[in-house]
Structure formats: C-alpha cells, structure tokens
PDB file of N, CA and C in Angstrom:
ATOM      1  N   UNK A   1      82.501 122.565  10.742  1.00  0.00           N
ATOM      2  CA  UNK A   1      82.479 122.783  12.162  1.00  0.00           C
ATOM      3  C   UNK A   1      82.121 124.232  12.467  1.00  0.00           C
ATOM      4  N   UNK A   2      81.228 124.373  13.400  1.00  0.00           N
ATOM      5  CA  UNK A   2      80.861 125.714  13.819  1.00  0.00           C
ATOM      6  C   UNK A   2      81.778 126.162  14.941  1.00  0.00           C
ATOM      7  N   UNK A   3      82.090 127.444  14.924  1.00  0.00           N
ATOM      8  CA  UNK A   3      82.926 128.010  15.976  1.00  0.00           C
ATOM      9  C   UNK A   3      82.011 128.774  16.939  1.00  0.00           C
ATOM     10  N   UNK A   4      81.750 128.179  18.088  1.00  0.00           N
ATOM     11  CA  UNK A   4      80.897 128.815  19.089  1.00  0.00           C
ATOM     12  C   UNK A   4      81.778 129.558  20.085  1.00  0.00           C
ATOM     13  N   UNK A   5      81.666 130.872  20.069  1.00  0.00           N
ATOM     14  CA  UNK A   5      82.425 131.635  21.055  1.00  0.00           C
ATOM     15  C   UNK A   5      81.627 131.714  22.341  1.00  0.00           C
ATOM     16  N   UNK A   6      82.300 131.520  23.447  1.00  0.00           N
ATOM     17  CA  UNK A   6      81.638 131.571  24.744  1.00  0.00           C
ATOM     18  C   UNK A   6      81.519 133.016  25.184  1.00  0.00           C
ATOM     19  N   UNK A   7      80.368 133.339  25.700  1.00  0.00           N
ATOM     20  CA  UNK A   7      80.159 134.671  26.228  1.00  0.00           C
ATOM     21  C   UNK A   7      80.507 134.660  27.710  1.00  0.00           C
ATOM     22  N   UNK A   8      81.110 135.738  28.173  1.00  0.00           N
ATOM     23  CA  UNK A   8      81.495 135.830  29.575  1.00  0.00           C
ATOM     24  C   UNK A   8      80.249 135.957  30.444  1.00  0.00           C
ATOM     25  N   UNK A   9      79.307 136.799  30.020  1.00  0.00           N
ATOM     26  CA  UNK A   9      78.066 136.994  30.765  1.00  0.00           C
ATOM     27  C   UNK A   9      76.910 136.720  29.818  1.00  0.00           C
ATOM     28  N   UNK A  10      76.031 135.823  30.224  1.00  0.00           N
ATOM     29  CA  UNK A  10      74.888 135.469  29.388  1.00  0.00           C
ATOM     30  C   UNK A  10      73.935 136.654  29.288  1.00  0.00           C
ATOM     31  N   UNK A  11      73.240 136.803  28.150  1.00  0.00           N
ATOM     32  CA  UNK A  11      72.310 137.914  27.975  1.00  0.00           C
ATOM     33  C   UNK A  11      71.227 137.990  29.055  1.00  0.00           C
ATOM     34  N   UNK A  12      70.780 136.851  29.596  1.00  0.00           N
ATOM     35  CA  UNK A  12      69.752 136.881  30.637  1.00  0.00           C
ATOM     36  C   UNK A  12      70.255 137.571  31.892  1.00  0.00           C
ATOM     37  N   UNK A  13      71.540 137.387  32.205  1.00  0.00           N
ATOM     38  CA  UNK A  13      72.121 138.040  33.381  1.00  0.00           C
ATOM     39  C   UNK A  13      72.251 139.539  33.141  1.00  0.00           C
ATOM     40  N   UNK A  14      72.601 139.924  31.921  1.00  0.00           N
ATOM     41  CA  UNK A  14      72.698 141.349  31.582  1.00  0.00           C
ATOM     42  C   UNK A  14      71.325 141.995  31.678  1.00  0.00           C
ATOM     43  N   UNK A  15      70.301 141.312  31.157  1.00  0.00           N
ATOM     44  CA  UNK A  15      68.932 141.826  31.257  1.00  0.00           C
ATOM     45  C   UNK A  15      68.498 141.950  32.718  1.00  0.00           C
ATOM     46  N   UNK A  16      68.880 140.974  33.535  1.00  0.00           N
ATOM     47  CA  UNK A  16      68.531 141.015  34.957  1.00  0.00           C
ATOM     48  C   UNK A  16      69.192 142.218  35.625  1.00  0.00           C
ATOM     49  N   UNK A  17      70.453 142.475  35.288  1.00  0.00           N
ATOM     50  CA  UNK A  17      71.138 143.645  35.845  1.00  0.00           C
ATOM     51  C   UNK A  17      70.459 144.940  35.405  1.00  0.00           C
ATOM     52  N   UNK A  18      70.005 144.983  34.175  1.00  0.00           N
ATOM     53  CA  UNK A  18      69.292 146.175  33.693  1.00  0.00           C
ATOM     54  C   UNK A  18      68.037 146.420  34.520  1.00  0.00           C
ATOM     55  N   UNK A  19      67.315 145.344  34.857  1.00  0.00           N
ATOM     56  CA  UNK A  19      66.077 145.482  35.624  1.00  0.00           C
ATOM     57  C   UNK A  19      66.333 145.938  37.058  1.00  0.00           C
ATOM     58  N   UNK A  20      67.559 145.820  37.528  1.00  0.00           N
ATOM     59  CA  UNK A  20      67.873 146.286  38.879  1.00  0.00           C
ATOM     60  C   UNK A  20      68.105 147.797  38.899  1.00  0.00           C
ATOM     61  N   UNK A  21      68.230 148.391  37.741  1.00  0.00           N
ATOM     62  CA  UNK A  21      68.291 149.847  37.562  1.00  0.00           C
ATOM     63  C   UNK A  21      69.301 150.528  38.499  1.00  0.00           C
ATOM     64  N   UNK A  22      70.529 150.049  38.463  1.00  0.00           N
ATOM     65  CA  UNK A  22      71.582 150.597  39.320  1.00  0.00           C
ATOM     66  C   UNK A  22      71.814 152.090  39.055  1.00  0.00           C
ATOM     67  N   UNK A  23      71.883 152.539  37.797  1.00  0.00           N
ATOM     68  CA  UNK A  23      72.066 153.987  37.587  1.00  0.00           C
ATOM     69  C   UNK A  23      70.939 154.821  38.220  1.00  0.00           C
ATOM     70  N   UNK A  24      69.732 154.304  38.218  1.00  0.00           N
ATOM     71  CA  UNK A  24      68.609 155.017  38.824  1.00  0.00           C
ATOM     72  C   UNK A  24      68.820 155.176  40.328  1.00  0.00           C
ATOM     73  N   UNK A  25      69.353 154.171  40.986  1.00  0.00           N
ATOM     74  CA  UNK A  25      69.573 154.278  42.432  1.00  0.00           C
ATOM     75  C   UNK A  25      70.716 155.231  42.763  1.00  0.00           C
ATOM     76  N   UNK A  26      71.622 155.440  41.825  1.00  0.00           N
ATOM     77  CA  UNK A  26      72.729 156.370  42.034  1.00  0.00           C
ATOM     78  C   UNK A  26      72.217 157.820  42.046  1.00  0.00           C
ATOM     79  N   UNK A  27      71.095 158.088  41.373  1.00  0.00           N
ATOM     80  CA  UNK A  27      70.527 159.441  41.374  1.00  0.00           C
ATOM     81  C   UNK A  27      70.204 159.915  42.791  1.00  0.00           C
ATOM     82  N   UNK A  28      69.956 158.994  43.691  1.00  0.00           N
ATOM     83  CA  UNK A  28      69.636 159.357  45.067  1.00  0.00           C
ATOM     84  C   UNK A  28      70.885 159.673  45.890  1.00  0.00           C
ATOM     85  N   UNK A  29      72.030 159.558  45.274  1.00  0.00           N
ATOM     86  CA  UNK A  29      73.299 159.787  45.946  1.00  0.00           C
ATOM     87  C   UNK A  29      73.380 161.181  46.563  1.00  0.00           C
ATOM     88  N   UNK A  30      72.937 162.184  45.870  1.00  0.00           N
ATOM     89  CA  UNK A  30      73.038 163.559  46.369  1.00  0.00           C
ATOM     90  C   UNK A  30      72.293 163.723  47.687  1.00  0.00           C
ATOM     91  N   UNK A  31      71.148 163.092  47.816  1.00  0.00           N
ATOM     92  CA  UNK A  31      70.368 163.183  49.049  1.00  0.00           C
ATOM     93  C   UNK A  31      71.151 162.564  50.204  1.00  0.00           C
ATOM     94  N   UNK A  32      71.786 161.449  49.960  1.00  0.00           N
ATOM     95  CA  UNK A  32      72.577 160.770  50.988  1.00  0.00           C
ATOM     96  C   UNK A  32      73.712 161.668  51.480  1.00  0.00           C
ATOM     97  N   UNK A  33      74.503 162.194  50.555  1.00  0.00           N
ATOM     98  CA  UNK A  33      75.645 163.017  50.955  1.00  0.00           C
ATOM     99  C   UNK A  33      75.185 164.329  51.586  1.00  0.00           C
ATOM    100  N   UNK A  34      74.088 164.895  51.099  1.00  0.00           N
ATOM    101  CA  UNK A  34      73.558 166.118  51.692  1.00  0.00           C
ATOM    102  C   UNK A  34      73.159 165.883  53.143  1.00  0.00           C
ATOM    103  N   UNK A  35      72.622 164.719  53.431  1.00  0.00           N
ATOM    104  CA  UNK A  35      72.215 164.400  54.799  1.00  0.00           C
ATOM    105  C   UNK A  35      73.410 164.321  55.747  1.00  0.00           C
ATOM    106  N   UNK A  36      74.587 164.079  55.218  1.00  0.00           N
ATOM    107  CA  UNK A  36      75.789 163.947  56.053  1.00  0.00           C
ATOM    108  C   UNK A  36      76.511 165.270  56.303  1.00  0.00           C
ATOM    109  N   UNK A  37      76.055 166.345  55.687  1.00  0.00           N
ATOM    110  CA  UNK A  37      76.758 167.630  55.781  1.00  0.00           C
ATOM    111  C   UNK A  37      76.880 168.120  57.219  1.00  0.00           C
ATOM    112  N   UNK A  38      75.811 168.064  57.976  1.00  0.00           N
ATOM    113  CA  UNK A  38      75.802 168.672  59.305  1.00  0.00           C
ATOM    114  C   UNK A  38      76.077 167.717  60.455  1.00  0.00           C
ATOM    115  N   UNK A  39      76.558 166.535  60.170  1.00  0.00           N
ATOM    116  CA  UNK A  39      76.865 165.612  61.257  1.00  0.00           C
ATOM    117  C   UNK A  39      78.312 165.157  61.165  1.00  0.00           C
ATOM    118  N   UNK A  40      78.856 164.794  62.290  1.00  0.00           N
ATOM    119  CA  UNK A  40      80.214 164.275  62.321  1.00  0.00           C
ATOM    120  C   UNK A  40      80.139 162.775  62.074  1.00  0.00           C
ATOM    121  N   UNK A  41      80.845 162.319  61.061  1.00  0.00           N
ATOM    122  CA  UNK A  41      80.744 160.919  60.677  1.00  0.00           C
ATOM    123  C   UNK A  41      82.109 160.415  60.212  1.00  0.00           C
ATOM    124  N   UNK A  42      82.356 159.153  60.472  1.00  0.00           N
ATOM    125  CA  UNK A  42      83.559 158.494  59.973  1.00  0.00           C
ATOM    126  C   UNK A  42      83.392 158.282  58.472  1.00  0.00           C
ATOM    127  N   UNK A  43      84.295 158.826  57.668  1.00  0.00           N
ATOM    128  CA  UNK A  43      84.144 158.792  56.211  1.00  0.00           C
ATOM    129  C   UNK A  43      84.152 157.363  55.665  1.00  0.00           C
ATOM    130  N   UNK A  44      84.962 156.478  56.240  1.00  0.00           N
ATOM    131  CA  UNK A  44      84.984 155.098  55.740  1.00  0.00           C
ATOM    132  C   UNK A  44      83.650 154.397  56.024  1.00  0.00           C
ATOM    133  N   UNK A  45      83.056 154.665  57.167  1.00  0.00           N
ATOM    134  CA  UNK A  45      81.740 154.093  57.468  1.00  0.00           C
ATOM    135  C   UNK A  45      80.680 154.669  56.530  1.00  0.00           C
ATOM    136  N   UNK A  46      80.766 155.961  56.263  1.00  0.00           N
ATOM    137  CA  UNK A  46      79.797 156.596  55.359  1.00  0.00           C
ATOM    138  C   UNK A  46      79.891 156.001  53.960  1.00  0.00           C
ATOM    139  N   UNK A  47      81.100 155.721  53.507  1.00  0.00           N
ATOM    140  CA  UNK A  47      81.274 155.120  52.179  1.00  0.00           C
ATOM    141  C   UNK A  47      80.704 153.707  52.153  1.00  0.00           C
ATOM    142  N   UNK A  48      80.956 152.928  53.201  1.00  0.00           N
ATOM    143  CA  UNK A  48      80.398 151.570  53.260  1.00  0.00           C
ATOM    144  C   UNK A  48      78.871 151.590  53.324  1.00  0.00           C
ATOM    145  N   UNK A  49      78.315 152.534  54.064  1.00  0.00           N
ATOM    146  CA  UNK A  49      76.856 152.647  54.123  1.00  0.00           C
ATOM    147  C   UNK A  49      76.316 153.053  52.749  1.00  0.00           C
ATOM    148  N   UNK A  50      77.011 153.959  52.078  1.00  0.00           N
ATOM    149  CA  UNK A  50      76.614 154.355  50.727  1.00  0.00           C
ATOM    150  C   UNK A  50      76.596 153.149  49.791  1.00  0.00           C
ATOM    151  N   UNK A  51      77.670 152.376  49.815  1.00  0.00           N
ATOM    152  CA  UNK A  51      77.750 151.181  48.965  1.00  0.00           C
ATOM    153  C   UNK A  51      76.621 150.214  49.315  1.00  0.00           C
ATOM    154  N   UNK A  52      76.407 150.013  50.602  1.00  0.00           N
ATOM    155  CA  UNK A  52      75.359 149.104  51.051  1.00  0.00           C
ATOM    156  C   UNK A  52      73.991 149.520  50.516  1.00  0.00           C
ATOM    157  N   UNK A  53      73.683 150.788  50.675  1.00  0.00           N
ATOM    158  CA  UNK A  53      72.353 151.265  50.286  1.00  0.00           C
ATOM    159  C   UNK A  53      72.208 151.428  48.779  1.00  0.00           C
ATOM    160  N   UNK A  54      73.151 152.163  48.161  1.00  0.00           N
ATOM    161  CA  UNK A  54      72.980 152.575  46.771  1.00  0.00           C
ATOM    162  C   UNK A  54      73.426 151.547  45.744  1.00  0.00           C
ATOM    163  N   UNK A  55      74.355 150.694  46.092  1.00  0.00           N
ATOM    164  CA  UNK A  55      74.810 149.702  45.115  1.00  0.00           C
ATOM    165  C   UNK A  55      74.235 148.310  45.338  1.00  0.00           C
ATOM    166  N   UNK A  56      73.734 148.042  46.539  1.00  0.00           N
ATOM    167  CA  UNK A  56      73.186 146.718  46.806  1.00  0.00           C
ATOM    168  C   UNK A  56      71.700 146.745  47.179  1.00  0.00           C
ATOM    169  N   UNK A  57      71.344 147.522  48.185  1.00  0.00           N
ATOM    170  CA  UNK A  57      69.976 147.492  48.706  1.00  0.00           C
ATOM    171  C   UNK A  57      68.948 148.094  47.743  1.00  0.00           C
ATOM    172  N   UNK A  58      69.199 149.308  47.249  1.00  0.00           N
ATOM    173  CA  UNK A  58      68.260 149.922  46.304  1.00  0.00           C
ATOM    174  C   UNK A  58      68.116 149.097  45.019  1.00  0.00           C
ATOM    175  N   UNK A  59      69.217 148.652  44.402  1.00  0.00           N
ATOM    176  CA  UNK A  59      69.051 147.821  43.213  1.00  0.00           C
ATOM    177  C   UNK A  59      68.274 146.527  43.485  1.00  0.00           C
ATOM    178  N   UNK A  60      68.512 145.908  44.653  1.00  0.00           N
ATOM    179  CA  UNK A  60      67.747 144.697  44.986  1.00  0.00           C
ATOM    180  C   UNK A  60      66.268 145.031  45.106  1.00  0.00           C
ATOM    181  N   UNK A  61      65.966 146.167  45.696  1.00  0.00           N
ATOM    182  CA  UNK A  61      64.575 146.608  45.823  1.00  0.00           C
ATOM    183  C   UNK A  61      63.957 146.874  44.449  1.00  0.00           C
ATOM    184  N   UNK A  62      64.714 147.530  43.583  1.00  0.00           N
ATOM    185  CA  UNK A  62      64.225 147.769  42.216  1.00  0.00           C
ATOM    186  C   UNK A  62      63.998 146.447  41.480  1.00  0.00           C
ATOM    187  N   UNK A  63      64.935 145.518  41.658  1.00  0.00           N
ATOM    188  CA  UNK A  63      64.794 144.206  41.013  1.00  0.00           C
ATOM    189  C   UNK A  63      63.586 143.456  41.531  1.00  0.00           C
ATOM    190  N   UNK A  64      63.361 143.521  42.828  1.00  0.00           N
ATOM    191  CA  UNK A  64      62.194 142.866  43.430  1.00  0.00           C
ATOM    192  C   UNK A  64      60.909 143.451  42.842  1.00  0.00           C
ATOM    193  N   UNK A  65      60.878 144.780  42.721  1.00  0.00           N
ATOM    194  CA  UNK A  65      59.724 145.436  42.125  1.00  0.00           C
ATOM    195  C   UNK A  65      59.529 144.986  40.685  1.00  0.00           C
ATOM    196  N   UNK A  66      60.610 144.939  39.924  1.00  0.00           N
ATOM    197  CA  UNK A  66      60.527 144.503  38.522  1.00  0.00           C
ATOM    198  C   UNK A  66      60.078 143.054  38.421  1.00  0.00           C
ATOM    199  N   UNK A  67      60.568 142.219  39.346  1.00  0.00           N
ATOM    200  CA  UNK A  67      60.246 140.792  39.307  1.00  0.00           C
ATOM    201  C   UNK A  67      58.747 140.560  39.466  1.00  0.00           C
ATOM    202  N   UNK A  68      58.123 141.292  40.379  1.00  0.00           N
ATOM    203  CA  UNK A  68      56.706 141.052  40.629  1.00  0.00           C
ATOM    204  C   UNK A  68      55.777 141.898  39.769  1.00  0.00           C
ATOM    205  N   UNK A  69      56.217 143.087  39.365  1.00  0.00           N
ATOM    206  CA  UNK A  69      55.365 143.921  38.515  1.00  0.00           C
ATOM    207  C   UNK A  69      55.427 143.523  37.048  1.00  0.00           C
ATOM    208  N   UNK A  70      56.571 143.015  36.621  1.00  0.00           N
ATOM    209  CA  UNK A  70      56.788 142.613  35.230  1.00  0.00           C
ATOM    210  C   UNK A  70      56.366 143.728  34.265  1.00  0.00           C
ATOM    211  N   UNK A  71      56.935 144.907  34.507  1.00  0.00           N
ATOM    212  CA  UNK A  71      56.613 146.071  33.692  1.00  0.00           C
ATOM    213  C   UNK A  71      57.001 145.856  32.237  1.00  0.00           C
ATOM    214  N   UNK A  72      56.166 146.335  31.344  1.00  0.00           N
ATOM    215  CA  UNK A  72      56.446 146.245  29.926  1.00  0.00           C
ATOM    216  C   UNK A  72      56.620 147.620  29.294  1.00  0.00           C
ATOM    217  N   UNK A  73      56.326 148.671  30.077  1.00  0.00           N
ATOM    218  CA  UNK A  73      56.504 150.029  29.587  1.00  0.00           C
ATOM    219  C   UNK A  73      57.624 150.698  30.369  1.00  0.00           C
ATOM    220  N   UNK A  74      58.008 151.876  29.941  1.00  0.00           N
ATOM    221  CA  UNK A  74      59.110 152.622  30.543  1.00  0.00           C
ATOM    222  C   UNK A  74      58.982 152.727  32.066  1.00  0.00           C
ATOM    223  N   UNK A  75      60.102 152.442  32.749  1.00  0.00           N
ATOM    224  CA  UNK A  75      60.143 152.543  34.215  1.00  0.00           C
ATOM    225  C   UNK A  75      61.573 152.816  34.674  1.00  0.00           C
ATOM    226  N   UNK A  76      61.726 153.784  35.557  1.00  0.00           N
ATOM    227  CA  UNK A  76      62.997 154.060  36.223  1.00  0.00           C
ATOM    228  C   UNK A  76      64.220 154.127  35.337  1.00  0.00           C
ATOM    229  N   UNK A  77      64.137 154.814  34.218  1.00  0.00           N
ATOM    230  CA  UNK A  77      65.285 154.965  33.344  1.00  0.00           C
ATOM    231  C   UNK A  77      65.391 153.917  32.254  1.00  0.00           C
ATOM    232  N   UNK A  78      64.503 152.947  32.249  1.00  0.00           N
ATOM    233  CA  UNK A  78      64.483 151.937  31.181  1.00  0.00           C
ATOM    234  C   UNK A  78      63.301 152.211  30.258  1.00  0.00           C
ATOM    235  N   UNK A  79      63.606 152.579  29.023  1.00  0.00           N
ATOM    236  CA  UNK A  79      62.531 152.875  28.077  1.00  0.00           C
ATOM    237  C   UNK A  79      61.758 151.607  27.715  1.00  0.00           C
ATOM    238  N   UNK A  80      62.498 150.543  27.438  1.00  0.00           N
ATOM    239  CA  UNK A  80      61.896 149.250  27.106  1.00  0.00           C
ATOM    240  C   UNK A  80      62.511 148.183  28.008  1.00  0.00           C
ATOM    241  N   UNK A  81      61.917 147.940  29.172  1.00  0.00           N
ATOM    242  CA  UNK A  81      62.518 146.956  30.092  1.00  0.00           C
ATOM    243  C   UNK A  81      62.507 145.545  29.496  1.00  0.00           C
ATOM    244  N   UNK A  82      63.596 144.801  29.720  1.00  0.00           N
ATOM    245  CA  UNK A  82      63.638 143.419  29.236  1.00  0.00           C
ATOM    246  C   UNK A  82      62.678 142.536  30.027  1.00  0.00           C
ATOM    247  N   UNK A  83      62.451 141.365  29.498  1.00  0.00           N
ATOM    248  CA  UNK A  83      61.569 140.405  30.168  1.00  0.00           C
ATOM    249  C   UNK A  83      62.219 139.912  31.464  1.00  0.00           C
ATOM    250  N   UNK A  84      61.393 139.631  32.453  1.00  0.00           N
ATOM    251  CA  UNK A  84      61.856 139.127  33.743  1.00  0.00           C
ATOM    252  C   UNK A  84      62.195 137.645  33.615  1.00  0.00           C
ATOM    253  N   UNK A  85      63.329 137.259  34.211  1.00  0.00           N
ATOM    254  CA  UNK A  85      63.760 135.859  34.198  1.00  0.00           C
ATOM    255  C   UNK A  85      64.136 135.430  35.613  1.00  0.00           C
ATOM    256  N   UNK A  86      64.379 134.142  35.789  1.00  0.00           N
ATOM    257  CA  UNK A  86      64.767 133.638  37.108  1.00  0.00           C
ATOM    258  C   UNK A  86      66.134 134.174  37.528  1.00  0.00           C
ATOM    259  N   UNK A  87      66.969 134.571  36.563  1.00  0.00           N
ATOM    260  CA  UNK A  87      68.268 135.140  36.893  1.00  0.00           C
ATOM    261  C   UNK A  87      68.119 136.419  37.711  1.00  0.00           C
ATOM    262  N   UNK A  88      67.049 137.168  37.450  1.00  0.00           N
ATOM    263  CA  UNK A  88      66.792 138.374  38.235  1.00  0.00           C
ATOM    264  C   UNK A  88      66.584 138.012  39.702  1.00  0.00           C
ATOM    265  N   UNK A  89      65.825 136.966  39.958  1.00  0.00           N
ATOM    266  CA  UNK A  89      65.574 136.545  41.343  1.00  0.00           C
ATOM    267  C   UNK A  89      66.889 136.193  42.057  1.00  0.00           C
ATOM    268  N   UNK A  90      67.781 135.492  41.341  1.00  0.00           N
ATOM    269  CA  UNK A  90      69.069 135.122  41.935  1.00  0.00           C
ATOM    270  C   UNK A  90      69.920 136.361  42.216  1.00  0.00           C
ATOM    271  N   UNK A  91      69.880 137.334  41.332  1.00  0.00           N
ATOM    272  CA  UNK A  91      70.616 138.579  41.564  1.00  0.00           C
ATOM    273  C   UNK A  91      70.048 139.353  42.748  1.00  0.00           C
ATOM    274  N   UNK A  92      68.736 139.357  42.894  1.00  0.00           N
ATOM    275  CA  UNK A  92      68.102 140.023  44.036  1.00  0.00           C
ATOM    276  C   UNK A  92      68.622 139.409  45.335  1.00  0.00           C
ATOM    277  N   UNK A  93      68.636 138.085  45.399  1.00  0.00           N
ATOM    278  CA  UNK A  93      69.124 137.401  46.595  1.00  0.00           C
ATOM    279  C   UNK A  93      70.604 137.700  46.850  1.00  0.00           C
ATOM    280  N   UNK A  94      71.406 137.706  45.785  1.00  0.00           N
ATOM    281  CA  UNK A  94      72.826 138.010  45.918  1.00  0.00           C
ATOM    282  C   UNK A  94      73.025 139.439  46.438  1.00  0.00           C
ATOM    283  N   UNK A  95      72.308 140.405  45.863  1.00  0.00           N
ATOM    284  CA  UNK A  95      72.462 141.795  46.279  1.00  0.00           C
ATOM    285  C   UNK A  95      71.964 141.998  47.710  1.00  0.00           C
ATOM    286  N   UNK A  96      70.892 141.325  48.088  1.00  0.00           N
ATOM    287  CA  UNK A  96      70.426 141.412  49.474  1.00  0.00           C
ATOM    288  C   UNK A  96      71.482 140.860  50.433  1.00  0.00           C
ATOM    289  N   UNK A  97      72.081 139.733  50.083  1.00  0.00           N
ATOM    290  CA  UNK A  97      73.136 139.157  50.900  1.00  0.00           C
ATOM    291  C   UNK A  97      74.329 140.113  51.008  1.00  0.00           C
ATOM    292  N   UNK A  98      74.723 140.698  49.885  1.00  0.00           N
ATOM    293  CA  UNK A  98      75.845 141.632  49.891  1.00  0.00           C
ATOM    294  C   UNK A  98      75.537 142.878  50.717  1.00  0.00           C
ATOM    295  N   UNK A  99      74.285 143.311  50.719  1.00  0.00           N
ATOM    296  CA  UNK A  99      73.928 144.476  51.543  1.00  0.00           C
ATOM    297  C   UNK A  99      74.042 144.135  53.023  1.00  0.00           C
ATOM    298  N   UNK A 100      73.630 142.944  53.405  1.00  0.00           N
ATOM    299  CA  UNK A 100      73.765 142.510  54.803  1.00  0.00           C
ATOM    300  C   UNK A 100      75.234 142.372  55.173  1.00  0.00           C
ATOM    301  N   UNK A 101      76.008 141.810  54.287  1.00  0.00           N
ATOM    302  CA  UNK A 101      77.436 141.620  54.545  1.00  0.00           C
ATOM    303  C   UNK A 101      78.152 142.959  54.713  1.00  0.00           C
ATOM    304  N   UNK A 102      77.947 143.895  53.805  1.00  0.00           N
ATOM    305  CA  UNK A 102      78.631 145.182  53.919  1.00  0.00           C
ATOM    306  C   UNK A 102      78.133 145.978  55.121  1.00  0.00           C
ATOM    307  N   UNK A 103      76.853 145.870  55.445  1.00  0.00           N
ATOM    308  CA  UNK A 103      76.328 146.558  56.639  1.00  0.00           C
ATOM    309  C   UNK A 103      76.987 146.012  57.898  1.00  0.00           C
ATOM    310  N   UNK A 104      77.273 144.723  57.920  1.00  0.00           N
ATOM    311  CA  UNK A 104      77.898 144.137  59.114  1.00  0.00           C
ATOM    312  C   UNK A 104      79.326 144.635  59.306  1.00  0.00           C
ATOM    313  N   UNK A 105      79.985 145.067  58.222  1.00  0.00           N
ATOM    314  CA  UNK A 105      81.325 145.635  58.356  1.00  0.00           C
ATOM    315  C   UNK A 105      81.279 147.030  58.965  1.00  0.00           C
ATOM    316  N   UNK A 106      80.201 147.752  58.747  1.00  0.00           N
ATOM    317  CA  UNK A 106      80.066 149.082  59.329  1.00  0.00           C
ATOM    318  C   UNK A 106      79.830 148.951  60.819  1.00  0.00           C
ATOM    319  N   UNK A 107      78.798 148.164  61.169  1.00  0.00           N
ATOM    320  CA  UNK A 107      78.463 147.969  62.566  1.00  0.00           C
ATOM    321  C   UNK A 107      77.468 146.820  62.648  1.00  0.00           C
ATOM    322  N   UNK A 108      77.783 145.783  63.386  1.00  0.00           N
ATOM    323  CA  UNK A 108      76.837 144.661  63.495  1.00  0.00           C
ATOM    324  C   UNK A 108      75.461 145.075  64.006  1.00  0.00           C
ATOM    325  N   UNK A 109      75.368 146.211  64.700  1.00  0.00           N
ATOM    326  CA  UNK A 109      74.074 146.677  65.194  1.00  0.00           C
ATOM    327  C   UNK A 109      73.151 147.137  64.072  1.00  0.00           C
ATOM    328  N   UNK A 110      73.710 147.406  62.893  1.00  0.00           N
ATOM    329  CA  UNK A 110      72.874 147.783  61.752  1.00  0.00           C
ATOM    330  C   UNK A 110      71.977 146.637  61.313  1.00  0.00           C
ATOM    331  N   UNK A 111      72.332 145.427  61.698  1.00  0.00           N
ATOM    332  CA  UNK A 111      71.576 144.264  61.275  1.00  0.00           C
ATOM    333  C   UNK A 111      70.347 144.001  62.146  1.00  0.00           C
ATOM    334  N   UNK A 112      70.178 144.774  63.192  1.00  0.00           N
ATOM    335  CA  UNK A 112      69.031 144.583  64.084  1.00  0.00           C
ATOM    336  C   UNK A 112      67.809 145.256  63.553  1.00  0.00           C
TER     337      UNK A 112
END
C-alpha cells in the first residue's frame, strides 16, 4: 500500500500565487505612504486602501499580465516564472473580488 500524503495547497496554486508577484507590489508601498504625508487622513481607511491596492488589486493586475503574456524569462522579481495555469485565472478573479469588497468598506463611493 502506498501512503499518499495530502498537500494543503496544490503546486499549481502556489505557482499561480508566484505569478501574481505580491512581493513586487509591496515595493510600491513607500510611494503610497509618502503620498499620505501632507494630507489629513483616517488611518484605518488608509490601511484598508493600502490592503485593497497593494495586496489585492496590484497582484491581480500582475496576474492578469502574466496570464496573457505567458512570460518565460525573468519578470518582476521572478527569475524563472512558472507556467501559467487556469488556477491563476481563478486567483485573479478572487483578488479582484476582494479588492472590490475591501474598497466598499472604506467608502462605497470608491466603487464608482
């Protein structure tokens, strides 16, 4: 009898997350916070907007780019990008939905 251990996250999902290049979108964090220096802003709203943009929207955009470009050479912090799979498309949709959801918590007018 073979002992098949179940993996919590399938390798295709891990590869899809890599193609979304989340660490690359975090590099833009300094620009976001610098832009807030001279304005009066609610800190909780600023954090939600940060999460919306940098953890959901930018990665979804990177994933969308990866999905259609199917890069095989170094791009955005990935020396050897993995192959594109349908799991990437599902993650893009999930991250886009999460960006809309978190934006609606900041202010429903952001959705216009």
